[in-house]
Amino acid sequence: MEAYCMKCKGKQTMSNPQEITMKNGRPATQGVCPVCGTKMFKIGKAS
């Protein structure tokens, strides 16, 4: 899954993606940027 990395300032393919549920009940995906190691976050169902 691709997500925007705030540190690299571009789209990267997420490493170790995990589906989570936010506090308000919406689904999201959380992972790690393979380039810089920063946490990445994407709101919505994983496709």
N, C-alpha and C. Protein backbone atom coordinates (compact mmCIF):
# COMPACT_ATOMS: atom_id res chain seq x y z
N MET A 1 0.85 -1.18 0.00
CA MET A 1 0.00 0.00 0.00
C MET A 1 0.89 1.24 0.00
N GLU A 2 0.51 2.22 -0.78
CA GLU A 2 1.25 3.47 -0.84
C GLU A 2 0.64 4.51 0.10
N ALA A 3 1.51 5.27 0.73
CA ALA A 3 1.07 6.36 1.60
C ALA A 3 2.09 7.49 1.49
N TYR A 4 1.69 8.68 1.92
CA TYR A 4 2.57 9.84 1.84
C TYR A 4 3.47 9.88 3.07
N CYS A 5 4.78 10.01 2.85
CA CYS A 5 5.74 10.12 3.95
C CYS A 5 6.02 11.60 4.19
N MET A 6 5.78 12.05 5.40
CA MET A 6 5.96 13.46 5.74
C MET A 6 7.45 13.85 5.73
N LYS A 7 8.32 12.92 6.06
CA LYS A 7 9.75 13.23 6.13
C LYS A 7 10.38 13.21 4.73
N CYS A 8 10.04 12.22 3.90
CA CYS A 8 10.58 12.12 2.54
C CYS A 8 9.88 13.07 1.58
N LYS A 9 8.70 13.55 1.96
CA LYS A 9 7.87 14.43 1.14
C LYS A 9 7.49 13.80 -0.20
N GLY A 10 7.03 12.56 -0.13
CA GLY A 10 6.59 11.87 -1.33
C GLY A 10 5.91 10.56 -0.98
N LYS A 11 5.29 9.92 -1.99
CA LYS A 11 4.62 8.65 -1.77
C LYS A 11 5.64 7.53 -1.73
N GLN A 12 5.48 6.65 -0.75
CA GLN A 12 6.35 5.50 -0.60
C GLN A 12 5.46 4.27 -0.37
N THR A 13 6.00 3.09 -0.67
CA THR A 13 5.27 1.86 -0.38
C THR A 13 5.48 1.53 1.09
N MET A 14 4.40 1.37 1.81
CA MET A 14 4.44 1.17 3.26
C MET A 14 5.00 -0.21 3.60
N SER A 15 5.94 -0.26 4.55
CA SER A 15 6.45 -1.52 5.07
C SER A 15 5.67 -1.88 6.32
N ASN A 16 5.43 -3.17 6.51
CA ASN A 16 4.75 -3.68 7.70
C ASN A 16 3.41 -2.98 7.95
N PRO A 17 2.50 -2.96 6.95
CA PRO A 17 1.21 -2.29 7.16
C PRO A 17 0.31 -3.06 8.12
N GLN A 18 -0.36 -2.35 9.01
CA GLN A 18 -1.28 -2.95 9.96
C GLN A 18 -2.59 -2.17 9.94
N GLU A 19 -3.70 -2.90 9.84
CA GLU A 19 -5.01 -2.25 9.87
C GLU A 19 -5.35 -1.92 11.31
N ILE A 20 -5.74 -0.68 11.56
CA ILE A 20 -6.11 -0.24 12.90
C ILE A 20 -7.45 0.47 12.84
N THR A 21 -8.03 0.74 13.99
CA THR A 21 -9.26 1.53 14.08
C THR A 21 -8.95 2.77 14.91
N MET A 22 -9.29 3.93 14.37
CA MET A 22 -9.04 5.18 15.08
C MET A 22 -10.04 5.34 16.22
N LYS A 23 -9.81 6.34 17.08
CA LYS A 23 -10.68 6.59 18.23
C LYS A 23 -12.13 6.83 17.82
N ASN A 24 -12.33 7.46 16.65
CA ASN A 24 -13.69 7.76 16.21
C ASN A 24 -14.34 6.59 15.46
N GLY A 25 -13.65 5.44 15.36
CA GLY A 25 -14.21 4.25 14.75
C GLY A 25 -13.89 4.05 13.28
N ARG A 26 -13.23 5.03 12.66
CA ARG A 26 -12.89 4.90 11.24
C ARG A 26 -11.69 3.97 11.06
N PRO A 27 -11.66 3.19 9.97
CA PRO A 27 -10.52 2.32 9.71
C PRO A 27 -9.32 3.12 9.18
N ALA A 28 -8.12 2.64 9.45
CA ALA A 28 -6.90 3.27 8.96
C ALA A 28 -5.81 2.21 8.84
N THR A 29 -4.73 2.56 8.18
CA THR A 29 -3.59 1.67 8.04
C THR A 29 -2.34 2.41 8.52
N GLN A 30 -1.56 1.72 9.33
CA GLN A 30 -0.34 2.31 9.88
C GLN A 30 0.83 1.42 9.50
N GLY A 31 1.96 2.04 9.13
CA GLY A 31 3.13 1.29 8.74
C GLY A 31 4.39 2.12 8.92
N VAL A 32 5.46 1.67 8.26
CA VAL A 32 6.76 2.32 8.38
C VAL A 32 7.29 2.63 6.98
N CYS A 33 7.92 3.79 6.83
CA CYS A 33 8.53 4.17 5.55
C CYS A 33 9.80 3.35 5.36
N PRO A 34 9.95 2.67 4.21
CA PRO A 34 11.15 1.85 3.98
C PRO A 34 12.41 2.68 3.75
N VAL A 35 12.27 3.95 3.40
CA VAL A 35 13.43 4.80 3.11
C VAL A 35 14.01 5.41 4.38
N CYS A 36 13.15 6.06 5.20
CA CYS A 36 13.66 6.80 6.36
C CYS A 36 13.26 6.20 7.71
N GLY A 37 12.31 5.24 7.73
CA GLY A 37 11.92 4.59 8.97
C GLY A 37 10.87 5.34 9.78
N THR A 38 10.29 6.40 9.22
CA THR A 38 9.26 7.19 9.91
C THR A 38 7.93 6.45 9.84
N LYS A 39 7.08 6.63 10.87
CA LYS A 39 5.74 6.05 10.86
C LYS A 39 4.92 6.69 9.76
N MET A 40 4.17 5.87 9.02
CA MET A 40 3.27 6.36 7.97
C MET A 40 1.85 5.99 8.37
N PHE A 41 0.90 6.78 7.91
CA PHE A 41 -0.49 6.62 8.32
C PHE A 41 -1.39 6.95 7.14
N LYS A 42 -2.37 6.10 6.88
CA LYS A 42 -3.32 6.38 5.81
C LYS A 42 -4.72 6.05 6.30
N ILE A 43 -5.61 7.03 6.18
CA ILE A 43 -6.99 6.86 6.63
C ILE A 43 -7.78 6.15 5.53
N GLY A 44 -8.60 5.19 5.92
CA GLY A 44 -9.44 4.44 4.97
C GLY A 44 -9.05 2.98 4.98
N LYS A 45 -9.91 2.18 4.38
CA LYS A 45 -9.67 0.73 4.33
C LYS A 45 -8.48 0.42 3.44
N ALA A 46 -7.74 -0.61 3.83
CA ALA A 46 -6.60 -1.08 3.02
C ALA A 46 -7.14 -1.74 1.77
N SER A 47 -6.51 -1.47 0.65
CA SER A 47 -6.98 -2.07 -0.60
C SER A 47 -6.00 -3.09 -1.12
